[in-house]
Every structure is written in structure tokens, then in C-alpha cells.
């Protein structure tokens, strides 16, 4: 349980920092196409760090989710773990291909990695909804806040996935996800062997 708590809490709060960097520092990045790829290459030192950090933190979140499921049997943890694995699979592709490929190939692979990240986030958000529907660790208002954020974000990413809205527009929901990561980090602090049967 201690390892699960540590990995979950660290990953949740650090992913908050990663999202903040995207929203504040990399806010001028073009949404797609060759312009986006050129922007990434021009800012490669930041993206290289970001993607490696995302790979590590999504792996932490996936491992901790599998461990938490062992203690709690809440199916939301399994769904989160699978979603984070999809998310993580996109990172080595992005890190390995981006600085070495032609603009056309890099842009094409980038689009594929983008879809993988969005799908992973969609699955993870479904898991967070299941988790907070069943868990009784947090105060009611905080649990309800987590549910509302997760549902709205899920709908946004889902609309992007089925092309009702642009993928770049769907990713604006990451601003909401920042607050979900804060709540999830607090959840990781609160859960323990004593109250695990309430999850």
C-alpha cells in the first residue's frame, strides 16, 4: 500500500506540473501540421524533458493503479491503469522519432502519437469516474467535484476522439484535468490500509 500511495501521489502532483507547462510555457504551439512539428523541434529541450517526465509519471500512475486494485478491488483503478499505459506508449515514439525524422514523417507520426495520448486520457478519465463514484475516502463535495471534472473532461476528449470537435479543442479540457490531478493527489494521501475497504 505504501508504494502505491507514494507512486500515485507523486505522479498526480507531478502531472499537474507537466500540464501547467503545456498551458503556460508552450501555449503558443500550433495545433497541428508542419508548423507544430517545427515548433517542437525549435523547443526540443523542453519537449524532450516533458515527454520523458510524462512517460515516467504515467508509468508510476499505471503501476500504482494496479497495486491499489489489489487492495481495494475498485475497477476504476484497472481502467485508469490501462488508460495510462496507452498514454505511456505514445511517449517513446515521440521521443525517439521526433528529432530524427523528416518534417513530413515526424508530423505524421506525431498525429498518431497525439491520438494515442487522447485515447489514453479518455480511458483514464472513465476510470477516474468509476473510482470516484465508488470511493468514500474524500469529503462529499470534493468527491462530487472530482466526478464533475472527470465527466466534463471525458465528454470533451470523447468528442475529440470521434471528431465532433478538433483534437486541439478537446485538449483544452486539460485545464480542468489539472484540478482533477490535485484532487487525485490528495486522494493518494488520504487512502490507507484502514479505509481501503471504502474505496
Protein backbone atom coordinates (compact mmCIF):
# COMPACT_ATOMS: atom_id res chain seq x y z
CA UNK A 1 0.00 0.00 0.00
CA UNK A 2 2.83 2.43 0.82
CA UNK A 3 4.40 2.02 -2.62
CA UNK A 4 1.03 2.54 -4.32
CA UNK A 5 0.37 5.69 -2.26
CA UNK A 6 3.83 7.09 -3.00
CA UNK A 7 3.72 6.46 -6.76
CA UNK A 8 0.11 7.66 -7.13
CA UNK A 9 0.67 10.87 -5.15
CA UNK A 10 3.98 11.76 -6.80
CA UNK A 11 2.58 11.07 -10.28
CA UNK A 12 -0.64 13.03 -9.68
CA UNK A 13 1.10 16.16 -8.44
CA UNK A 14 3.91 15.99 -10.98
CA UNK A 15 1.49 15.52 -13.89
CA UNK A 16 -0.13 18.72 -12.64
CA UNK A 17 3.21 20.50 -13.22
CA UNK A 18 3.52 18.94 -16.68
CA UNK A 19 0.05 20.15 -17.69
CA UNK A 20 0.88 23.61 -16.32
CA UNK A 21 3.99 23.76 -18.56
CA UNK A 22 1.89 22.91 -21.62
CA UNK A 23 -0.74 25.51 -20.77
CA UNK A 24 1.63 28.34 -19.80
CA UNK A 25 5.05 27.83 -21.40
CA UNK A 26 4.02 26.01 -24.58
CA UNK A 27 0.68 27.76 -25.09
CA UNK A 28 1.77 29.23 -28.45
CA UNK A 29 2.38 25.82 -30.03
CA UNK A 30 0.43 25.39 -33.31
CA UNK A 31 -2.37 22.84 -33.02
CA UNK A 32 -1.19 20.52 -35.80
CA UNK A 33 0.62 20.17 -39.10
CA UNK A 34 4.16 21.02 -40.12
CA UNK A 35 4.04 24.26 -38.14
CA UNK A 36 3.55 22.29 -34.93
CA UNK A 37 6.40 19.93 -35.79
CA UNK A 38 8.75 22.83 -36.49
CA UNK A 39 7.73 24.46 -33.20
CA UNK A 40 8.51 21.22 -31.34
CA UNK A 41 11.95 21.00 -32.95
CA UNK A 42 12.68 24.63 -32.07
CA UNK A 43 11.74 23.91 -28.45
CA UNK A 44 13.08 20.35 -28.36
CA UNK A 45 14.86 20.64 -25.00
CA UNK A 46 11.53 21.45 -23.31
CA UNK A 47 9.53 18.79 -25.17
CA UNK A 48 12.21 16.15 -24.64
CA UNK A 49 12.09 16.75 -20.89
CA UNK A 50 8.28 16.95 -20.88
CA UNK A 51 7.76 13.69 -22.72
CA UNK A 52 10.30 11.79 -20.65
CA UNK A 53 8.66 13.10 -17.48
CA UNK A 54 5.23 12.12 -18.82
CA UNK A 55 6.49 8.63 -19.64
CA UNK A 56 7.81 8.20 -16.10
CA UNK A 57 4.76 9.65 -14.35
CA UNK A 58 2.17 7.80 -16.44
CA UNK A 59 4.10 4.60 -15.72
CA UNK A 60 4.03 5.43 -11.99
CA UNK A 61 0.28 6.07 -12.17
CA UNK A 62 -0.32 2.82 -14.02
CA UNK A 63 1.73 0.75 -11.56
CA UNK A 64 0.10 2.39 -8.55
CA UNK A 65 -3.36 1.82 -10.04
CA UNK A 66 -2.69 -1.91 -10.45
CA UNK A 67 -1.41 -2.02 -6.86
CA UNK A 68 -4.41 -0.10 -5.50
CA UNK A 69 -6.75 -2.52 -7.26
CA UNK A 70 -5.07 -5.36 -5.38
CA UNK A 71 -6.01 -3.69 -2.07
CA UNK A 72 -9.39 -2.16 -2.93
CA UNK A 73 -10.95 -4.16 -5.81
CA UNK A 74 -12.30 -0.87 -7.23
CA UNK A 75 -12.48 -1.50 -11.02
CA UNK A 76 -11.75 2.15 -11.69
CA UNK A 77 -8.11 1.51 -10.87
CA UNK A 78 -7.79 -1.13 -13.60
CA UNK A 79 -9.35 1.21 -16.18
CA UNK A 80 -7.00 4.03 -15.11
CA UNK A 81 -4.00 1.70 -15.35
CA UNK A 82 -4.89 0.64 -18.90
CA UNK A 83 -5.53 4.22 -19.97
CA UNK A 84 -2.18 5.34 -18.60
CA UNK A 85 -0.45 2.53 -20.50
CA UNK A 86 -1.91 3.81 -23.78
CA UNK A 87 -0.75 7.28 -22.78
CA UNK A 88 2.74 5.99 -21.96
CA UNK A 89 3.08 4.05 -25.24
CA UNK A 90 2.99 7.32 -27.18
CA UNK A 91 5.98 8.82 -25.37
CA UNK A 92 8.86 6.62 -26.64
CA UNK A 93 7.53 7.05 -30.18
CA UNK A 94 7.51 10.82 -29.79
CA UNK A 95 10.91 10.96 -28.09
CA UNK A 96 12.65 8.60 -30.49
CA UNK A 97 11.18 9.71 -33.81
CA UNK A 98 10.60 13.45 -33.50
CA UNK A 99 14.18 14.81 -33.58
CA UNK A 100 15.35 12.32 -36.23
CA UNK A 101 12.58 12.21 -38.82
CA UNK A 102 11.77 14.38 -41.82
CA UNK A 103 9.14 17.06 -41.31
CA UNK A 104 6.53 15.02 -43.18
CA UNK A 105 7.22 11.74 -41.36
CA UNK A 106 7.60 13.42 -37.98
CA UNK A 107 4.34 15.29 -38.42
CA UNK A 108 2.54 12.10 -39.47
CA UNK A 109 3.86 10.07 -36.53
CA UNK A 110 3.13 12.99 -34.22
CA UNK A 111 -0.53 12.85 -35.22
CA UNK A 112 -0.63 9.15 -34.40
CA UNK A 113 1.02 9.71 -31.02
CA UNK A 114 -1.44 12.54 -30.37
CA UNK A 115 -4.37 10.19 -30.93
CA UNK A 116 -2.80 7.59 -28.64
CA UNK A 117 -2.43 10.18 -25.86
CA UNK A 118 -6.01 11.37 -26.32
CA UNK A 119 -7.35 7.81 -26.27
CA UNK A 120 -5.32 7.03 -23.15
CA UNK A 121 -6.69 10.14 -21.45
CA UNK A 122 -10.24 9.18 -22.48
CA UNK A 123 -9.88 5.72 -20.93
CA UNK A 124 -8.20 7.12 -17.80
CA UNK A 125 -10.99 9.65 -17.28
CA UNK A 126 -13.53 6.82 -17.50
CA UNK A 127 -11.52 5.11 -14.75
CA UNK A 128 -11.49 8.24 -12.60
CA UNK A 129 -15.28 8.46 -12.93
CA UNK A 130 -15.67 4.84 -11.77
CA UNK A 131 -13.16 5.37 -8.96
CA UNK A 132 -14.84 8.45 -7.52
CA UNK A 133 -18.35 7.02 -7.96
CA UNK A 134 -17.48 4.12 -5.66
CA UNK A 135 -14.85 5.55 -3.30
CA UNK A 136 -15.85 7.12 0.02
CA UNK A 137 -12.44 8.46 1.12
CA UNK A 138 -12.94 12.13 0.25
CA UNK A 139 -15.48 14.58 1.60
CA UNK A 140 -18.70 14.53 -0.42
CA UNK A 141 -18.18 17.95 -2.03
CA UNK A 142 -14.64 17.08 -3.10
CA UNK A 143 -15.74 13.71 -4.47
CA UNK A 144 -18.57 15.41 -6.38
CA UNK A 145 -16.13 18.00 -7.76
CA UNK A 146 -13.82 15.23 -8.98
CA UNK A 147 -16.76 13.48 -10.66
CA UNK A 148 -17.97 16.64 -12.41
CA UNK A 149 -14.47 17.46 -13.68
CA UNK A 150 -13.90 13.89 -14.84
CA UNK A 151 -17.26 13.70 -16.66
CA UNK A 152 -16.83 17.06 -18.45
CA UNK A 153 -13.26 16.18 -19.44
CA UNK A 154 -14.35 12.71 -20.59
CA UNK A 155 -17.05 14.24 -22.80
CA UNK A 156 -14.54 16.70 -24.29
CA UNK A 157 -11.94 14.03 -25.07
CA UNK A 158 -14.67 11.70 -26.34
CA UNK A 159 -15.97 14.40 -28.71
CA UNK A 160 -12.43 14.91 -29.97
CA UNK A 161 -11.90 11.19 -30.42
CA UNK A 162 -14.99 10.76 -32.61
CA UNK A 163 -14.23 14.03 -34.48
CA UNK A 164 -17.19 16.05 -33.24
CA UNK A 165 -14.64 18.72 -32.30
CA UNK A 166 -10.99 19.25 -33.18
CA UNK A 167 -8.45 17.29 -31.13
CA UNK A 168 -6.76 20.56 -30.16
CA UNK A 169 -10.08 21.87 -28.82
CA UNK A 170 -10.62 18.67 -26.84
CA UNK A 171 -7.23 19.07 -25.22
CA UNK A 172 -8.31 22.39 -23.73
CA UNK A 173 -10.05 20.20 -21.15
CA UNK A 174 -6.55 19.58 -19.73
CA UNK A 175 -7.07 22.80 -17.78
CA UNK A 176 -9.86 21.02 -15.89
CA UNK A 177 -7.76 17.87 -15.58
CA UNK A 178 -5.19 19.93 -13.64
CA UNK A 179 -7.72 20.27 -10.83
CA UNK A 180 -8.55 16.57 -11.05
CA UNK A 181 -4.85 15.76 -10.54
CA UNK A 182 -4.85 17.91 -7.39
CA UNK A 183 -7.86 16.02 -6.01
CA UNK A 184 -6.34 12.67 -7.00
CA UNK A 185 -3.07 13.58 -5.31
CA UNK A 186 -4.98 14.37 -2.12
CA UNK A 187 -6.86 11.08 -2.53
CA UNK A 188 -3.48 9.30 -2.59
CA UNK A 189 -2.50 10.98 0.66
CA UNK A 190 -5.78 10.07 2.38
CA UNK A 191 -6.10 6.40 1.40
CA UNK A 192 -4.56 3.83 3.77
CA UNK A 193 -4.96 0.22 4.91
CA UNK A 194 -7.71 1.20 7.33
CA UNK A 195 -10.03 2.94 4.89
CA UNK A 196 -9.15 0.93 1.75
CA UNK A 197 -12.39 -1.05 2.08
CA UNK A 198 -14.26 2.25 1.48
CA UNK A 199 -12.74 2.64 -1.98
